[in-house]
Amino acid sequence: MAYICCGLRFYVRLRVTRCPGWDDLFLCLSLMASSALTVATCIAREYGLGEHFAQLGIVRMSSFIKSFYVCNGAYCVATPLIKIALLLQYLRMFPADTRRWRASVVLVCVTGLWGASYSAIAWFPCLPLSAHWDVGAKAEAAWGFGSEDPAVFSGTYISHVATNMALDIAVSAIALTIPLAGRPDASSLPSIAALGVMALSSVNIVALFRLISIGRSRAGTYPDLDPSWYACVPAILATVEVNLAAVCASLPIFWPRLCAGILGITVTREFTVTTEELKEAGLASPQHDGDLSVPYAADGFGAGFRTPRALGHRAGLGLSGQTKIEIRAGAASARRL
């Protein structure tokens, strides 16, 4: 669904409106990161995601930690990128040097710093880096997502999810302030704003459930150390969240165009076709005793149809006075009476 919606958005921006922007670039980067997250989550399932950590064995433990390391890093990259894409989209709508515009710029800066910080500690959690997934290796230094202190480890995860939720709420709040007056397309803006806010609200709900899941297990360390078991629900919710956010960023762009295209199909010409059965045509005229005149066409076929009668042409059959011809519809012969 995320690929379909993003594809429709890119089609509208590149082929219909022909006005691509930086928000499209950041959305494309976010889609790449979310794709890496989705693939890594599927691989982590093969290496023990959803199973108890103690039953994996040394080899599968190392493989699971490595795949989950990619999941976490991709998630930390995808979340700020999609927020920046939405905020840059707002900047295209708001007039420059207004409060809404300045608030969006501030949020872009805050989101960029937030994303860079958490992405750095997600991709480089310890030194040397291989010690993060090598079960038998000892790290010289570890911090954040690679800390050996359960309190620091769980606190890093919880703080990241909580701040992510706070930024989502801030982005949604800006969507509520989209101006609806003074624009030529103001009639379509209420539906766009409502659509965007409802979609972003669904992302906030998913993030809330993920926060609750991580908080209950303290990032897989409580009541016992079992990250592969407790990380199953948060990993799936993370995949759903980033893909749903990509859908949210795309809907306000292509949906109004799609609806306008569907509703723009109008009927320009209407016509009715009727059929009438000619049961019997008695064409003999009492005024012509010995001459049976058969017109080529009957009257009433339409004002634009020039019948042979109008041109003065008549077909005559020379018959005796004692003979009559009965012509029936669909008959090809005459019989004497």
Protein backbone atom coordinates (compact mmCIF):
# COMPACT_ATOMS: atom_id res chain seq x y z
CA MET A 1 0.00 0.00 0.00
CA ALA A 2 2.83 2.42 0.83
CA TYR A 3 4.47 1.82 -2.54
CA ILE A 4 1.18 2.33 -4.39
CA CYS A 5 0.37 5.59 -2.58
CA CYS A 6 3.90 6.96 -2.96
CA GLY A 7 3.89 5.99 -6.62
CA LEU A 8 0.62 7.88 -7.17
CA ARG A 9 2.05 10.89 -5.34
CA PHE A 10 5.19 10.90 -7.48
CA TYR A 11 3.07 10.54 -10.62
CA VAL A 12 0.96 13.58 -9.68
CA ARG A 13 4.00 15.67 -8.81
CA LEU A 14 6.08 14.68 -11.85
CA ARG A 15 3.50 14.22 -14.61
CA VAL A 16 0.32 16.10 -13.61
CA THR A 17 1.38 19.21 -11.69
CA ARG A 18 5.04 19.02 -12.80
CA CYS A 19 6.26 20.63 -9.57
CA PRO A 20 8.45 18.19 -7.61
CA GLY A 21 10.08 19.50 -4.46
CA TRP A 22 12.36 18.65 -1.58
CA ASP A 23 9.48 16.98 0.23
CA ASP A 24 9.31 14.38 -2.55
CA LEU A 25 13.03 13.68 -2.19
CA PHE A 26 12.76 13.15 1.57
CA LEU A 27 9.73 10.94 1.08
CA CYS A 28 11.71 8.83 -1.38
CA LEU A 29 14.57 8.49 1.12
CA SER A 30 12.10 7.57 3.86
CA LEU A 31 10.57 4.93 1.61
CA MET A 32 14.01 3.41 1.06
CA ALA A 33 14.64 3.30 4.81
CA SER A 34 11.23 1.78 5.51
CA SER A 35 11.90 -0.84 2.83
CA ALA A 36 15.13 -1.76 4.60
CA LEU A 37 13.20 -1.97 7.88
CA THR A 38 10.55 -4.24 6.36
CA VAL A 39 13.10 -6.59 4.78
CA ALA A 40 15.21 -6.73 7.95
CA THR A 41 12.12 -7.52 10.04
CA CYS A 42 11.28 -10.44 7.76
CA ILE A 43 14.87 -11.69 7.99
CA ALA A 44 14.83 -11.32 11.77
CA ARG A 45 11.79 -13.59 11.84
CA GLU A 46 13.89 -16.32 10.24
CA TYR A 47 16.60 -15.84 12.86
CA GLY A 48 14.37 -16.06 15.92
CA LEU A 49 12.11 -13.00 16.19
CA GLY A 50 9.15 -14.16 18.26
CA GLU A 51 11.10 -17.02 19.87
CA HIS A 52 12.75 -17.17 23.27
CA PHE A 53 16.30 -15.86 23.19
CA ALA A 54 17.78 -18.66 25.31
CA GLN A 55 16.59 -21.29 22.82
CA LEU A 56 18.19 -19.74 19.75
CA GLY A 57 21.75 -20.94 20.17
CA ILE A 58 24.92 -18.91 19.72
CA VAL A 59 24.78 -18.72 15.92
CA ARG A 60 21.13 -17.68 15.73
CA MET A 61 21.61 -15.24 18.60
CA SER A 62 24.30 -13.45 16.65
CA SER A 63 22.22 -13.48 13.45
CA PHE A 64 19.16 -12.17 15.26
CA ILE A 65 21.05 -9.31 16.90
CA LYS A 66 22.57 -8.34 13.55
CA SER A 67 19.21 -8.31 11.76
CA PHE A 68 17.55 -6.43 14.61
CA TYR A 69 20.42 -3.94 14.53
CA VAL A 70 19.46 -3.12 10.93
CA CYS A 71 15.78 -2.89 11.94
CA ASN A 72 16.49 -0.38 14.67
CA GLY A 73 18.86 1.70 12.55
CA ALA A 74 16.45 1.84 9.61
CA TYR A 75 13.59 2.83 11.91
CA CYS A 76 15.64 5.66 13.44
CA VAL A 77 16.40 6.95 9.93
CA ALA A 78 12.90 6.55 8.47
CA THR A 79 11.00 8.37 11.22
CA PRO A 80 12.74 11.77 10.95
CA LEU A 81 12.79 11.63 7.15
CA ILE A 82 9.04 11.18 6.87
CA LYS A 83 8.42 14.01 9.36
CA ILE A 84 10.71 16.34 7.43
CA ALA A 85 8.91 15.40 4.21
CA LEU A 86 5.58 16.41 5.76
CA LEU A 87 6.99 19.65 7.17
CA LEU A 88 8.54 20.61 3.83
CA GLN A 89 5.16 19.97 2.28
CA TYR A 90 3.65 22.42 4.76
CA LEU A 91 6.26 25.02 3.82
CA ARG A 92 5.03 24.87 0.24
CA MET A 93 1.51 25.71 1.41
CA PHE A 94 2.17 28.43 3.99
CA PRO A 95 3.11 31.99 3.00
CA ALA A 96 6.69 32.85 3.94
CA ASP A 97 7.47 34.65 7.20
CA THR A 98 4.19 33.72 8.87
CA ARG A 99 3.90 32.03 12.24
CA ARG A 100 2.91 28.72 10.69
CA TRP A 101 5.83 28.89 8.28
CA ARG A 102 8.31 29.73 11.05
CA ALA A 103 6.93 26.95 13.27
CA SER A 104 7.41 24.48 10.44
CA VAL A 105 11.00 25.65 9.93
CA VAL A 106 11.74 25.23 13.64
CA LEU A 107 10.24 21.74 13.61
CA VAL A 108 12.32 20.82 10.57
CA CYS A 109 15.49 21.81 12.45
CA VAL A 110 14.45 20.04 15.67
CA THR A 111 13.43 16.89 13.80
CA GLY A 112 16.68 16.88 11.84
CA LEU A 113 18.81 17.14 14.99
CA TRP A 114 16.68 14.55 16.77
CA GLY A 115 16.92 12.12 13.88
CA ALA A 116 20.65 12.60 13.41
CA SER A 117 21.32 12.00 17.12
CA TYR A 118 19.32 8.80 17.47
CA SER A 119 20.44 7.50 14.07
CA ALA A 120 24.09 7.93 15.11
CA ILE A 121 23.70 5.95 18.33
CA ALA A 122 21.60 3.34 16.52
CA TRP A 123 24.14 2.65 13.77
CA PHE A 124 27.18 3.06 16.04
CA PRO A 125 26.13 1.67 19.44
CA CYS A 126 29.56 0.48 20.56
CA LEU A 127 33.25 0.14 19.69
CA PRO A 128 34.18 -2.01 17.91
CA LEU A 129 30.93 -2.26 16.00
CA SER A 130 31.12 -6.04 15.56
CA ALA A 131 30.95 -6.47 19.33
CA HIS A 132 27.30 -5.43 19.18
CA TRP A 133 26.21 -8.72 17.56
CA ASP A 134 29.17 -10.94 18.39
CA VAL A 135 27.99 -12.72 21.52
CA GLY A 136 31.49 -13.74 22.59
CA ALA A 137 33.14 -10.34 22.00
CA LYS A 138 33.63 -7.62 24.57
CA ALA A 139 33.00 -4.00 23.58
CA GLU A 140 35.55 -1.39 24.57
CA ALA A 141 32.80 1.21 24.93
CA ALA A 142 29.03 0.99 24.56
CA TRP A 143 26.25 3.54 24.83
CA GLY A 144 22.61 4.09 23.94
CA PHE A 145 21.13 1.14 22.08
CA GLY A 146 24.28 -0.90 22.73
CA SER A 147 24.65 -0.18 26.44
CA GLU A 148 25.13 -3.12 28.79
CA ASP A 149 23.25 -1.27 31.54
CA PRO A 150 19.58 -2.35 31.34
CA ALA A 151 18.38 1.04 32.60
CA VAL A 152 20.32 2.97 29.94
CA PHE A 153 19.41 0.44 27.25
CA SER A 154 15.66 0.53 27.94
CA GLY A 155 15.70 4.28 28.59
CA THR A 156 17.17 4.90 25.15
CA TYR A 157 14.40 2.94 23.45
CA ILE A 158 11.64 4.51 25.53
CA SER A 159 12.96 8.05 25.09
CA HIS A 160 13.20 7.58 21.33
CA VAL A 161 9.63 6.32 21.02
CA ALA A 162 8.28 9.02 23.37
CA THR A 163 10.00 11.89 21.55
CA ASN A 164 8.92 10.39 18.24
CA MET A 165 5.32 10.51 19.43
CA ALA A 166 5.69 14.09 20.63
CA LEU A 167 7.01 15.19 17.24
CA ASP A 168 4.17 13.35 15.49
CA ILE A 169 1.66 15.27 17.59
CA ALA A 170 3.39 18.56 16.77
CA VAL A 171 3.28 17.79 13.03
CA SER A 172 -0.40 16.88 13.32
CA ALA A 173 -1.11 20.13 15.18
CA ILE A 174 0.38 22.16 12.34
CA ALA A 175 -1.87 20.32 9.89
CA LEU A 176 -4.87 21.66 11.81
CA THR A 177 -3.77 25.24 11.10
CA ILE A 178 -3.76 24.93 7.31
CA PRO A 179 -5.40 28.15 6.03
CA LEU A 180 -8.61 27.56 4.15
CA ALA A 181 -9.40 31.08 2.98
CA GLY A 182 -7.76 33.36 0.50
CA ARG A 183 -6.61 30.57 -1.83
CA PRO A 184 -8.01 29.67 -5.23
CA ASP A 185 -8.23 26.02 -4.28
CA ALA A 186 -9.72 26.69 -0.85
CA SER A 187 -12.68 24.44 -1.52
CA SER A 188 -10.43 21.38 -1.66
CA LEU A 189 -8.30 22.29 1.33
CA PRO A 190 -10.75 21.27 4.09
CA SER A 191 -10.89 17.72 2.77
CA ILE A 192 -7.11 17.66 2.39
CA ALA A 193 -6.57 18.92 5.93
CA ALA A 194 -9.09 16.50 7.41
CA LEU A 195 -7.60 13.62 5.46
CA GLY A 196 -4.08 14.44 6.60
CA VAL A 197 -5.04 14.89 10.25
CA MET A 198 -6.97 11.61 10.38
CA ALA A 199 -4.10 9.76 8.75
CA LEU A 200 -1.51 11.26 11.11
CA SER A 201 -3.74 10.38 14.06
CA SER A 202 -3.61 6.74 13.03
CA VAL A 203 0.21 6.95 13.04
CA ASN A 204 0.10 8.39 16.56
CA ILE A 205 -2.10 5.51 17.71
CA VAL A 206 0.35 2.95 16.35
CA ALA A 207 3.25 4.79 18.02
CA LEU A 208 1.33 4.81 21.31
CA PHE A 209 0.84 1.05 21.24
CA ARG A 210 4.52 0.61 20.45
CA LEU A 211 5.47 2.80 23.40
CA ILE A 212 3.26 0.75 25.71
CA SER A 213 4.74 -2.52 24.45
CA ILE A 214 8.33 -1.34 24.91
CA GLY A 215 7.57 0.17 28.32
CA ARG A 216 6.03 -3.04 29.67
CA SER A 217 9.05 -5.18 28.83
CA ARG A 218 11.58 -2.36 29.34
CA ALA A 219 12.89 -2.97 25.82
CA GLY A 220 13.07 -6.73 26.29
CA THR A 221 14.92 -6.75 29.62
CA TYR A 222 12.04 -7.25 32.10
CA PRO A 223 11.13 -9.50 33.85
CA ASP A 224 14.03 -11.38 32.22
CA LEU A 225 16.39 -10.77 29.31
CA ASP A 226 14.49 -12.05 26.27
CA PRO A 227 14.83 -9.49 23.44
CA SER A 228 13.81 -11.82 20.61
CA TRP A 229 10.52 -12.64 22.38
CA TYR A 230 9.57 -9.17 23.61
CA ALA A 231 10.72 -7.36 20.45
CA CYS A 232 8.21 -9.11 18.21
CA VAL A 233 5.29 -6.71 18.69
CA PRO A 234 7.38 -3.47 18.68
CA ALA A 235 9.19 -4.57 15.52
CA ILE A 236 5.96 -5.23 13.65
CA LEU A 237 4.42 -1.98 14.90
CA ALA A 238 7.52 -0.07 13.79
CA THR A 239 7.12 -1.47 10.27
CA VAL A 240 3.44 -0.58 10.22
CA GLU A 241 4.12 2.91 11.57
CA VAL A 242 6.68 4.00 8.98
CA ASN A 243 4.73 2.56 6.06
CA LEU A 244 1.52 4.15 7.31
CA ALA A 245 3.34 7.47 7.67
CA ALA A 246 4.40 7.22 4.02
CA VAL A 247 0.76 6.69 3.07
CA CYS A 248 -0.22 9.73 5.17
CA ALA A 249 2.33 11.91 3.41
CA SER A 250 1.05 10.81 -0.01
CA LEU A 251 -2.73 10.93 0.45
CA PRO A 252 -3.16 14.74 0.50
CA ILE A 253 -1.27 14.97 -2.80
CA PHE A 254 -2.88 12.39 -5.03
CA TRP A 255 -6.30 11.81 -3.44
CA PRO A 256 -7.90 15.17 -4.43
CA ARG A 257 -6.59 14.74 -7.97
CA LEU A 258 -7.92 11.20 -8.10
CA CYS A 259 -11.37 12.24 -6.87
CA ALA A 260 -11.46 15.18 -9.27
CA GLY A 261 -10.61 12.86 -12.14
CA ILE A 262 -13.33 10.40 -11.19
CA LEU A 263 -16.00 13.06 -10.63
CA GLY A 264 -14.92 14.88 -13.78
CA ILE A 265 -16.34 12.15 -16.02
CA THR A 266 -19.50 13.82 -17.37
CA VAL A 267 -22.09 12.89 -19.98
CA THR A 268 -21.84 15.25 -22.95
CA ARG A 269 -24.41 13.67 -25.30
CA GLU A 270 -27.43 11.52 -24.68
CA PHE A 271 -29.59 9.70 -27.20
CA THR A 272 -32.39 7.19 -27.04
CA VAL A 273 -32.75 4.27 -29.43
CA THR A 274 -36.30 3.00 -29.97
CA THR A 275 -37.55 0.20 -32.19
CA GLU A 276 -40.97 -0.08 -33.85
CA GLU A 277 -42.28 -3.17 -35.59
CA LEU A 278 -44.02 -2.66 -38.95
CA LYS A 279 -46.84 -5.17 -38.76
CA GLU A 280 -48.65 -4.59 -42.10
CA ALA A 281 -48.39 -2.09 -44.90
CA GLY A 282 -51.40 -1.70 -47.16
CA LEU A 283 -50.01 0.43 -49.93
CA ALA A 284 -52.80 0.21 -52.52
CA SER A 285 -54.47 3.53 -53.16
CA PRO A 286 -58.19 3.68 -53.95
CA GLN A 287 -57.52 6.57 -56.28
CA HIS A 288 -55.49 4.39 -58.65
CA ASP A 289 -57.57 1.49 -59.86
CA GLY A 290 -55.17 -0.07 -62.27
CA ASP A 291 -51.94 1.28 -60.90
CA LEU A 292 -50.60 0.18 -57.52
CA SER A 293 -48.10 2.77 -56.34
CA VAL A 294 -45.47 1.70 -53.81
CA PRO A 295 -43.40 4.46 -52.23
CA TYR A 296 -39.79 3.72 -51.49
CA ALA A 297 -40.04 5.02 -47.95
CA ALA A 298 -42.79 5.86 -45.53
CA ASP A 299 -43.23 9.30 -44.10
CA GLY A 300 -41.98 10.09 -40.65
CA PHE A 301 -38.44 8.65 -40.78
CA GLY A 302 -37.03 12.00 -39.79
CA ALA A 303 -36.97 15.52 -41.03
CA GLY A 304 -33.57 15.12 -42.62
CA PHE A 305 -34.44 12.00 -44.64
CA ARG A 306 -35.35 12.78 -48.28
CA THR A 307 -37.80 10.15 -49.42
CA PRO A 308 -38.29 9.18 -53.06
CA ARG A 309 -41.90 10.48 -52.77
CA ALA A 310 -40.53 13.90 -52.01
CA LEU A 311 -38.54 13.71 -55.22
CA GLY A 312 -41.58 12.62 -57.28
CA HIS A 313 -40.44 9.05 -57.91
CA ARG A 314 -43.05 6.33 -57.64
CA ALA A 315 -42.85 2.67 -58.48
CA GLY A 316 -45.84 1.46 -60.51
CA LEU A 317 -47.10 -2.07 -61.07
CA GLY A 318 -49.41 -2.49 -64.11
CA LEU A 319 -52.17 -4.90 -63.07
CA SER A 320 -55.66 -5.66 -64.30
CA GLY A 321 -58.65 -4.26 -62.50
CA GLN A 322 -59.67 -7.74 -61.35
CA THR A 323 -56.38 -8.31 -59.58
CA LYS A 324 -55.40 -7.06 -56.16
CA ILE A 325 -52.07 -7.37 -54.46
CA GLU A 326 -51.79 -7.87 -50.74
CA ILE A 327 -48.44 -6.92 -49.37
CA ARG A 328 -47.51 -8.08 -45.92
CA ALA A 329 -44.51 -7.08 -43.81
CA GLY A 330 -41.63 -9.39 -44.42
CA ALA A 331 -43.37 -11.21 -47.40
CA ALA A 332 -41.43 -11.62 -50.62
CA SER A 333 -44.23 -12.76 -52.96
CA ALA A 334 -47.80 -11.83 -54.00
CA ARG A 335 -50.76 -14.15 -54.37
CA ARG A 336 -53.89 -13.75 -56.56
CA LEU A 337 -57.31 -13.52 -54.94
